[in-house]
Amino acid sequence: MNITDVKKIVNSQFGWVSNKTDKEDLIEEGILAFIEAKKDFDESFKTKFSTYAYHCITGKCKNYLKRKYDHYQHEVSINNFYDLESEVSNINLEVLDLKKKLKSLPESYQKIFELRLNVYTFKEIGEECGFSQSEIYRRYIKSLKILKDLLND
């Protein structure tokens, strides 16, 4: 695995990012993650380096996007306040529905989902729940699929 592979991973996983500057930043983040993965990789992980690096690269890119665009959620002008106020009741109903759907998940999946919503990393959740980072990721993705199916019913 090399820098060219990092660019391929970023383009394949984040091809939907149309802003050229953001795409370049993602590639930079991916390269940094690749370097960190090289430093941190341990043969005892019982996985190939390429698999480990792939998850490090995509994780760092996702965190970059989350950091970059999360602050927009907190910028609300006074003009939008009244529009938001009228939407709150609809959102509250949707949140209540989501909470009911979350209760139908297995208990360990609920905990993983809740911790992830509280901005825990997969590694931190794994330490908390006693599972590997990759197992936490699989369970999180599975819980998202279950919730998506439940919400579409």
N, C-alpha and C. Protein backbone atom coordinates (compact mmCIF):
# COMPACT_ATOMS: atom_id res chain seq x y z
N MET A 1 0.86 -1.17 0.00
CA MET A 1 0.00 0.00 0.00
C MET A 1 0.90 1.24 0.00
N ASN A 2 0.50 2.26 -0.78
CA ASN A 2 1.28 3.50 -0.88
C ASN A 2 0.35 4.71 -1.01
N ILE A 3 0.93 5.86 -1.27
CA ILE A 3 0.18 7.12 -1.35
C ILE A 3 -0.87 7.08 -2.47
N THR A 4 -0.53 6.45 -3.57
CA THR A 4 -1.50 6.33 -4.68
C THR A 4 -2.74 5.58 -4.22
N ASP A 5 -2.53 4.54 -3.40
CA ASP A 5 -3.67 3.78 -2.86
C ASP A 5 -4.52 4.66 -1.95
N VAL A 6 -3.88 5.54 -1.21
CA VAL A 6 -4.63 6.47 -0.34
C VAL A 6 -5.56 7.33 -1.19
N LYS A 7 -5.04 7.87 -2.29
CA LYS A 7 -5.87 8.69 -3.18
C LYS A 7 -7.03 7.88 -3.75
N LYS A 8 -6.77 6.62 -4.11
CA LYS A 8 -7.83 5.77 -4.64
C LYS A 8 -8.92 5.53 -3.59
N ILE A 9 -8.49 5.28 -2.34
CA ILE A 9 -9.45 5.05 -1.26
C ILE A 9 -10.31 6.30 -1.04
N VAL A 10 -9.66 7.45 -0.98
CA VAL A 10 -10.40 8.70 -0.75
C VAL A 10 -11.37 8.94 -1.90
N ASN A 11 -10.93 8.76 -3.14
CA ASN A 11 -11.81 8.99 -4.28
C ASN A 11 -12.95 7.99 -4.34
N SER A 12 -12.70 6.75 -3.95
CA SER A 12 -13.78 5.76 -4.02
C SER A 12 -14.79 5.94 -2.88
N GLN A 13 -14.31 6.29 -1.69
CA GLN A 13 -15.21 6.41 -0.54
C GLN A 13 -15.83 7.79 -0.38
N PHE A 14 -15.15 8.80 -0.91
CA PHE A 14 -15.62 10.17 -0.72
C PHE A 14 -15.75 10.90 -2.06
N GLY A 15 -16.05 10.16 -3.11
CA GLY A 15 -16.21 10.73 -4.44
C GLY A 15 -17.34 11.73 -4.51
N TRP A 16 -18.28 11.64 -3.59
CA TRP A 16 -19.42 12.54 -3.57
C TRP A 16 -19.04 13.96 -3.14
N VAL A 17 -17.84 14.12 -2.57
CA VAL A 17 -17.38 15.46 -2.16
C VAL A 17 -16.99 16.21 -3.42
N SER A 18 -17.74 17.25 -3.75
CA SER A 18 -17.51 17.95 -5.01
C SER A 18 -16.55 19.14 -4.88
N ASN A 19 -16.41 19.68 -3.69
CA ASN A 19 -15.54 20.82 -3.47
C ASN A 19 -14.08 20.37 -3.61
N LYS A 20 -13.34 20.98 -4.53
CA LYS A 20 -11.96 20.57 -4.82
C LYS A 20 -11.06 20.73 -3.60
N THR A 21 -11.23 21.82 -2.86
CA THR A 21 -10.41 22.05 -1.67
C THR A 21 -10.67 20.98 -0.62
N ASP A 22 -11.96 20.65 -0.42
CA ASP A 22 -12.30 19.60 0.54
C ASP A 22 -11.70 18.26 0.11
N LYS A 23 -11.75 17.98 -1.19
CA LYS A 23 -11.19 16.72 -1.69
C LYS A 23 -9.68 16.67 -1.42
N GLU A 24 -8.99 17.77 -1.66
CA GLU A 24 -7.55 17.82 -1.41
C GLU A 24 -7.26 17.66 0.08
N ASP A 25 -8.09 18.30 0.92
CA ASP A 25 -7.93 18.16 2.36
C ASP A 25 -8.15 16.71 2.80
N LEU A 26 -9.12 16.05 2.18
CA LEU A 26 -9.37 14.65 2.51
C LEU A 26 -8.18 13.78 2.13
N ILE A 27 -7.58 14.06 1.00
CA ILE A 27 -6.39 13.30 0.59
C ILE A 27 -5.25 13.53 1.58
N GLU A 28 -5.09 14.78 2.02
CA GLU A 28 -4.06 15.08 3.02
C GLU A 28 -4.34 14.34 4.33
N GLU A 29 -5.60 14.35 4.75
CA GLU A 29 -5.97 13.62 5.97
C GLU A 29 -5.70 12.13 5.79
N GLY A 30 -6.01 11.61 4.60
CA GLY A 30 -5.77 10.21 4.32
C GLY A 30 -4.29 9.86 4.38
N ILE A 31 -3.45 10.74 3.84
CA ILE A 31 -2.00 10.51 3.88
C ILE A 31 -1.50 10.53 5.32
N LEU A 32 -1.99 11.47 6.11
CA LEU A 32 -1.61 11.51 7.53
C LEU A 32 -2.04 10.23 8.24
N ALA A 33 -3.24 9.77 7.94
CA ALA A 33 -3.73 8.53 8.56
C ALA A 33 -2.87 7.34 8.13
N PHE A 34 -2.46 7.33 6.87
CA PHE A 34 -1.60 6.27 6.36
C PHE A 34 -0.27 6.25 7.12
N ILE A 35 0.30 7.42 7.32
CA ILE A 35 1.57 7.51 8.06
C ILE A 35 1.38 7.04 9.51
N GLU A 36 0.29 7.48 10.14
CA GLU A 36 0.00 7.05 11.51
C GLU A 36 -0.22 5.54 11.56
N ALA A 37 -0.90 5.01 10.56
CA ALA A 37 -1.16 3.57 10.52
C ALA A 37 0.15 2.80 10.42
N LYS A 38 1.09 3.31 9.61
CA LYS A 38 2.39 2.66 9.50
C LYS A 38 3.11 2.63 10.85
N LYS A 39 3.00 3.74 11.59
CA LYS A 39 3.65 3.81 12.90
C LYS A 39 2.97 2.88 13.91
N ASP A 40 1.64 2.85 13.89
CA ASP A 40 0.88 2.16 14.92
C ASP A 40 0.61 0.69 14.63
N PHE A 41 0.83 0.25 13.39
CA PHE A 41 0.46 -1.12 13.03
C PHE A 41 1.29 -2.13 13.81
N ASP A 42 0.61 -3.15 14.27
CA ASP A 42 1.25 -4.21 15.04
C ASP A 42 0.84 -5.55 14.41
N GLU A 43 1.81 -6.40 14.16
CA GLU A 43 1.54 -7.71 13.55
C GLU A 43 0.57 -8.53 14.38
N SER A 44 0.52 -8.26 15.69
CA SER A 44 -0.37 -9.05 16.56
C SER A 44 -1.84 -8.72 16.34
N PHE A 45 -2.14 -7.72 15.52
CA PHE A 45 -3.54 -7.38 15.21
C PHE A 45 -4.23 -8.49 14.43
N LYS A 46 -3.45 -9.41 13.87
CA LYS A 46 -3.97 -10.53 13.09
C LYS A 46 -4.82 -10.04 11.92
N THR A 47 -4.35 -9.00 11.29
CA THR A 47 -5.00 -8.49 10.09
C THR A 47 -3.93 -7.95 9.16
N LYS A 48 -4.26 -7.83 7.90
CA LYS A 48 -3.29 -7.28 6.95
C LYS A 48 -3.16 -5.77 7.18
N PHE A 49 -1.97 -5.28 6.87
CA PHE A 49 -1.75 -3.84 7.03
C PHE A 49 -2.71 -3.04 6.16
N SER A 50 -2.96 -3.52 4.95
CA SER A 50 -3.83 -2.77 4.04
C SER A 50 -5.24 -2.62 4.62
N THR A 51 -5.74 -3.64 5.29
CA THR A 51 -7.07 -3.56 5.91
C THR A 51 -7.05 -2.54 7.05
N TYR A 52 -6.02 -2.64 7.88
CA TYR A 52 -5.89 -1.71 9.00
C TYR A 52 -5.77 -0.27 8.49
N ALA A 53 -4.92 -0.06 7.50
CA ALA A 53 -4.70 1.28 6.96
C ALA A 53 -5.98 1.82 6.33
N TYR A 54 -6.72 0.97 5.61
CA TYR A 54 -7.97 1.39 4.97
C TYR A 54 -8.92 1.98 6.01
N HIS A 55 -9.09 1.28 7.13
CA HIS A 55 -10.01 1.76 8.15
C HIS A 55 -9.49 3.03 8.82
N CYS A 56 -8.18 3.12 9.01
CA CYS A 56 -7.60 4.34 9.57
C CYS A 56 -7.83 5.53 8.64
N ILE A 57 -7.62 5.31 7.35
CA ILE A 57 -7.77 6.39 6.36
C ILE A 57 -9.22 6.86 6.28
N THR A 58 -10.15 5.92 6.12
CA THR A 58 -11.56 6.32 6.01
C THR A 58 -12.06 6.95 7.31
N GLY A 59 -11.60 6.42 8.44
CA GLY A 59 -12.02 6.99 9.73
C GLY A 59 -11.54 8.41 9.90
N LYS A 60 -10.30 8.66 9.55
CA LYS A 60 -9.75 10.02 9.69
C LYS A 60 -10.46 10.98 8.75
N CYS A 61 -10.78 10.53 7.54
CA CYS A 61 -11.49 11.38 6.58
C CYS A 61 -12.91 11.69 7.08
N LYS A 62 -13.58 10.69 7.63
CA LYS A 62 -14.92 10.93 8.16
C LYS A 62 -14.87 11.91 9.33
N ASN A 63 -13.88 11.75 10.19
CA ASN A 63 -13.74 12.68 11.31
C ASN A 63 -13.46 14.10 10.82
N TYR A 64 -12.67 14.22 9.76
CA TYR A 64 -12.39 15.54 9.19
C TYR A 64 -13.69 16.20 8.72
N LEU A 65 -14.49 15.45 7.97
CA LEU A 65 -15.75 16.01 7.46
C LEU A 65 -16.69 16.36 8.61
N LYS A 66 -16.70 15.52 9.61
CA LYS A 66 -17.57 15.77 10.75
C LYS A 66 -17.15 17.06 11.47
N ARG A 67 -15.83 17.22 11.70
CA ARG A 67 -15.33 18.44 12.33
C ARG A 67 -15.61 19.66 11.47
N LYS A 68 -15.38 19.54 10.18
CA LYS A 68 -15.52 20.68 9.27
C LYS A 68 -16.96 21.18 9.18
N TYR A 69 -17.90 20.25 9.09
CA TYR A 69 -19.28 20.66 8.85
C TYR A 69 -20.15 20.67 10.10
N ASP A 70 -19.63 20.19 11.21
CA ASP A 70 -20.43 20.16 12.44
C ASP A 70 -20.73 21.56 12.94
N HIS A 71 -19.81 22.49 12.77
CA HIS A 71 -20.04 23.83 13.29
C HIS A 71 -21.20 24.54 12.58
N TYR A 72 -21.55 24.12 11.37
CA TYR A 72 -22.67 24.74 10.67
C TYR A 72 -23.99 24.44 11.36
N GLN A 73 -24.04 23.31 12.06
CA GLN A 73 -25.27 22.96 12.76
C GLN A 73 -25.56 23.92 13.90
N HIS A 74 -24.53 24.58 14.42
CA HIS A 74 -24.70 25.45 15.57
C HIS A 74 -24.89 26.91 15.21
N GLU A 75 -24.76 27.23 13.94
CA GLU A 75 -24.92 28.61 13.50
C GLU A 75 -26.37 28.85 13.05
N VAL A 76 -27.12 29.46 13.91
CA VAL A 76 -28.53 29.72 13.59
C VAL A 76 -28.78 31.21 13.74
N SER A 77 -29.18 31.84 12.67
CA SER A 77 -29.45 33.27 12.75
C SER A 77 -30.81 33.51 13.40
N ILE A 78 -31.02 34.72 13.88
CA ILE A 78 -32.28 35.07 14.53
C ILE A 78 -33.43 34.99 13.54
N ASN A 79 -33.15 35.20 12.25
CA ASN A 79 -34.21 35.11 11.24
C ASN A 79 -34.74 33.69 11.11
N ASN A 80 -33.87 32.74 11.33
CA ASN A 80 -34.28 31.35 11.21
C ASN A 80 -34.94 30.82 12.48
N PHE A 81 -34.85 31.56 13.56
CA PHE A 81 -35.34 31.06 14.84
C PHE A 81 -36.82 30.68 14.78
N TYR A 82 -37.64 31.56 14.21
CA TYR A 82 -39.09 31.30 14.19
C TYR A 82 -39.43 30.11 13.28
N ASP A 83 -38.69 29.97 12.19
CA ASP A 83 -38.89 28.79 11.34
C ASP A 83 -38.52 27.52 12.10
N LEU A 84 -37.42 27.60 12.83
CA LEU A 84 -36.99 26.44 13.59
C LEU A 84 -37.97 26.09 14.69
N GLU A 85 -38.51 27.11 15.32
CA GLU A 85 -39.45 26.89 16.41
C GLU A 85 -40.67 26.10 15.93
N SER A 86 -41.16 26.41 14.75
CA SER A 86 -42.32 25.70 14.22
C SER A 86 -41.97 24.26 13.83
N GLU A 87 -40.71 24.03 13.49
CA GLU A 87 -40.29 22.68 13.11
C GLU A 87 -39.99 21.80 14.31
N VAL A 88 -39.79 22.40 15.47
CA VAL A 88 -39.40 21.64 16.66
C VAL A 88 -40.44 20.58 17.02
N SER A 89 -41.70 20.92 16.92
CA SER A 89 -42.74 19.94 17.28
C SER A 89 -42.67 18.73 16.36
N ASN A 90 -42.44 18.95 15.07
CA ASN A 90 -42.30 17.82 14.15
C ASN A 90 -41.07 16.99 14.48
N ILE A 91 -39.99 17.66 14.81
CA ILE A 91 -38.75 16.95 15.14
C ILE A 91 -38.94 16.15 16.42
N ASN A 92 -39.63 16.74 17.40
CA ASN A 92 -39.86 16.02 18.66
C ASN A 92 -40.63 14.72 18.41
N LEU A 93 -41.60 14.77 17.52
CA LEU A 93 -42.36 13.56 17.20
C LEU A 93 -41.45 12.52 16.53
N GLU A 94 -40.58 12.99 15.62
CA GLU A 94 -39.66 12.08 14.95
C GLU A 94 -38.66 11.48 15.93
N VAL A 95 -38.19 12.29 16.89
CA VAL A 95 -37.25 11.80 17.90
C VAL A 95 -37.91 10.74 18.77
N LEU A 96 -39.16 10.98 19.16
CA LEU A 96 -39.88 9.99 19.95
C LEU A 96 -40.03 8.68 19.19
N ASP A 97 -40.32 8.78 17.90
CA ASP A 97 -40.44 7.58 17.07
C ASP A 97 -39.10 6.85 16.98
N LEU A 98 -38.03 7.62 16.81
CA LEU A 98 -36.69 7.04 16.74
C LEU A 98 -36.33 6.34 18.05
N LYS A 99 -36.66 6.98 19.18
CA LYS A 99 -36.37 6.37 20.49
C LYS A 99 -37.10 5.04 20.64
N LYS A 100 -38.33 4.98 20.17
CA LYS A 100 -39.08 3.71 20.22
C LYS A 100 -38.39 2.65 19.36
N LYS A 101 -37.94 3.05 18.18
CA LYS A 101 -37.27 2.11 17.28
C LYS A 101 -35.95 1.64 17.87
N LEU A 102 -35.23 2.54 18.54
CA LEU A 102 -33.96 2.17 19.17
C LEU A 102 -34.15 1.09 20.23
N LYS A 103 -35.27 1.16 20.93
CA LYS A 103 -35.55 0.16 21.97
C LYS A 103 -35.71 -1.24 21.40
N SER A 104 -36.01 -1.35 20.10
CA SER A 104 -36.17 -2.67 19.50
C SER A 104 -34.84 -3.31 19.11
N LEU A 105 -33.75 -2.52 19.18
CA LEU A 105 -32.42 -3.09 18.91
C LEU A 105 -31.96 -3.94 20.09
N PRO A 106 -31.09 -4.92 19.84
CA PRO A 106 -30.50 -5.65 20.96
C PRO A 106 -29.78 -4.68 21.90
N GLU A 107 -29.73 -5.01 23.18
CA GLU A 107 -29.21 -4.08 24.18
C GLU A 107 -27.78 -3.62 23.89
N SER A 108 -26.92 -4.54 23.45
CA SER A 108 -25.53 -4.16 23.16
C SER A 108 -25.47 -3.19 21.99
N TYR A 109 -26.36 -3.36 21.00
CA TYR A 109 -26.41 -2.45 19.85
C TYR A 109 -26.89 -1.07 20.29
N GLN A 110 -27.86 -1.05 21.22
CA GLN A 110 -28.36 0.22 21.74
C GLN A 110 -27.23 1.01 22.39
N LYS A 111 -26.43 0.31 23.20
CA LYS A 111 -25.33 0.98 23.90
C LYS A 111 -24.31 1.53 22.91
N ILE A 112 -23.97 0.72 21.91
CA ILE A 112 -23.01 1.15 20.89
C ILE A 112 -23.55 2.39 20.17
N PHE A 113 -24.81 2.34 19.78
CA PHE A 113 -25.43 3.45 19.06
C PHE A 113 -25.45 4.71 19.92
N GLU A 114 -25.81 4.55 21.19
CA GLU A 114 -25.87 5.69 22.10
C GLU A 114 -24.49 6.32 22.30
N LEU A 115 -23.47 5.48 22.50
CA LEU A 115 -22.12 6.00 22.70
C LEU A 115 -21.62 6.69 21.43
N ARG A 116 -21.95 6.13 20.28
CA ARG A 116 -21.51 6.74 19.01
C ARG A 116 -22.16 8.11 18.83
N LEU A 117 -23.43 8.23 19.21
CA LEU A 117 -24.11 9.52 19.12
C LEU A 117 -23.49 10.54 20.06
N ASN A 118 -22.87 10.05 21.14
CA ASN A 118 -22.18 10.93 22.08
C ASN A 118 -20.72 11.14 21.69
N VAL A 119 -20.41 10.92 20.42
CA VAL A 119 -19.13 11.21 19.78
C VAL A 119 -17.98 10.38 20.35
N TYR A 120 -18.27 9.16 20.80
CA TYR A 120 -17.20 8.24 21.16
C TYR A 120 -16.65 7.65 19.86
N THR A 121 -15.36 7.36 19.84
CA THR A 121 -14.77 6.67 18.69
C THR A 121 -15.09 5.19 18.80
N PHE A 122 -14.94 4.47 17.71
CA PHE A 122 -15.17 3.03 17.73
C PHE A 122 -14.19 2.35 18.70
N LYS A 123 -12.99 2.88 18.77
CA LYS A 123 -11.99 2.33 19.69
C LYS A 123 -12.43 2.51 21.14
N GLU A 124 -12.91 3.71 21.48
CA GLU A 124 -13.38 3.98 22.85
C GLU A 124 -14.59 3.12 23.20
N ILE A 125 -15.48 2.95 22.25
CA ILE A 125 -16.67 2.12 22.48
C ILE A 125 -16.24 0.67 22.70
N GLY A 126 -15.26 0.22 21.90
CA GLY A 126 -14.76 -1.15 22.05
C GLY A 126 -14.18 -1.38 23.44
N GLU A 127 -13.43 -0.41 23.93
CA GLU A 127 -12.86 -0.52 25.28
C GLU A 127 -13.97 -0.55 26.33
N GLU A 128 -15.00 0.25 26.13
CA GLU A 128 -16.12 0.32 27.06
C GLU A 128 -16.94 -0.98 27.06
N CYS A 129 -17.15 -1.56 25.88
CA CYS A 129 -18.02 -2.72 25.76
C CYS A 129 -17.28 -4.06 25.75
N GLY A 130 -15.97 -4.01 25.64
CA GLY A 130 -15.20 -5.25 25.65
C GLY A 130 -15.15 -5.96 24.31
N PHE A 131 -15.30 -5.23 23.21
CA PHE A 131 -15.21 -5.80 21.87
C PHE A 131 -14.09 -5.11 21.11
N SER A 132 -13.68 -5.72 20.00
CA SER A 132 -12.66 -5.09 19.16
C SER A 132 -13.28 -3.90 18.42
N GLN A 133 -12.43 -3.02 17.96
CA GLN A 133 -12.88 -1.84 17.21
C GLN A 133 -13.66 -2.27 15.97
N SER A 134 -13.17 -3.29 15.28
CA SER A 134 -13.84 -3.73 14.05
C SER A 134 -15.21 -4.36 14.36
N GLU A 135 -15.32 -5.07 15.48
CA GLU A 135 -16.61 -5.66 15.86
C GLU A 135 -17.61 -4.56 16.21
N ILE A 136 -17.16 -3.52 16.88
CA ILE A 136 -18.03 -2.38 17.21
C ILE A 136 -18.52 -1.73 15.93
N TYR A 137 -17.61 -1.55 14.97
CA TYR A 137 -17.98 -0.94 13.69
C TYR A 137 -19.04 -1.79 12.99
N ARG A 138 -18.83 -3.10 12.94
CA ARG A 138 -19.81 -3.99 12.29
C ARG A 138 -21.18 -3.89 12.97
N ARG A 139 -21.18 -3.91 14.29
CA ARG A 139 -22.45 -3.83 15.02
C ARG A 139 -23.13 -2.48 14.81
N TYR A 140 -22.34 -1.43 14.75
CA TYR A 140 -22.89 -0.10 14.52
C TYR A 140 -23.55 -0.03 13.14
N ILE A 141 -22.86 -0.51 12.13
CA ILE A 141 -23.42 -0.51 10.77
C ILE A 141 -24.68 -1.36 10.72
N LYS A 142 -24.66 -2.52 11.38
CA LYS A 142 -25.84 -3.38 11.40
C LYS A 142 -27.01 -2.67 12.10
N SER A 143 -26.72 -1.96 13.20
CA SER A 143 -27.80 -1.25 13.89
C SER A 143 -28.38 -0.15 13.01
N LEU A 144 -27.52 0.52 12.22
CA LEU A 144 -28.01 1.54 11.30
C LEU A 144 -28.94 0.94 10.25
N LYS A 145 -28.56 -0.23 9.72
CA LYS A 145 -29.40 -0.89 8.73
C LYS A 145 -30.74 -1.30 9.32
N ILE A 146 -30.71 -1.83 10.54
CA ILE A 146 -31.96 -2.23 11.22
C ILE A 146 -32.86 -1.01 11.42
N LEU A 147 -32.26 0.08 11.92
CA LEU A 147 -33.05 1.31 12.15
C LEU A 147 -33.61 1.86 10.86
N LYS A 148 -32.82 1.82 9.80
CA LYS A 148 -33.29 2.31 8.50
C LYS A 148 -34.51 1.50 8.05
N ASP A 149 -34.43 0.19 8.19
CA ASP A 149 -35.55 -0.67 7.81
C ASP A 149 -36.78 -0.38 8.68
N LEU A 150 -36.57 -0.20 9.99
CA LEU A 150 -37.68 0.08 10.89
C LEU A 150 -38.34 1.44 10.58
N LEU A 151 -37.51 2.43 10.26
CA LEU A 151 -38.05 3.75 9.98
C LEU A 151 -38.76 3.81 8.63
N ASN A 152 -38.38 2.92 7.71
CA ASN A 152 -39.04 2.89 6.41
C ASN A 152 -40.35 2.13 6.43
N ASP A 153 -40.61 1.40 7.53
CA ASP A 153 -41.88 0.64 7.63
C ASP A 153 -43.04 1.56 7.89
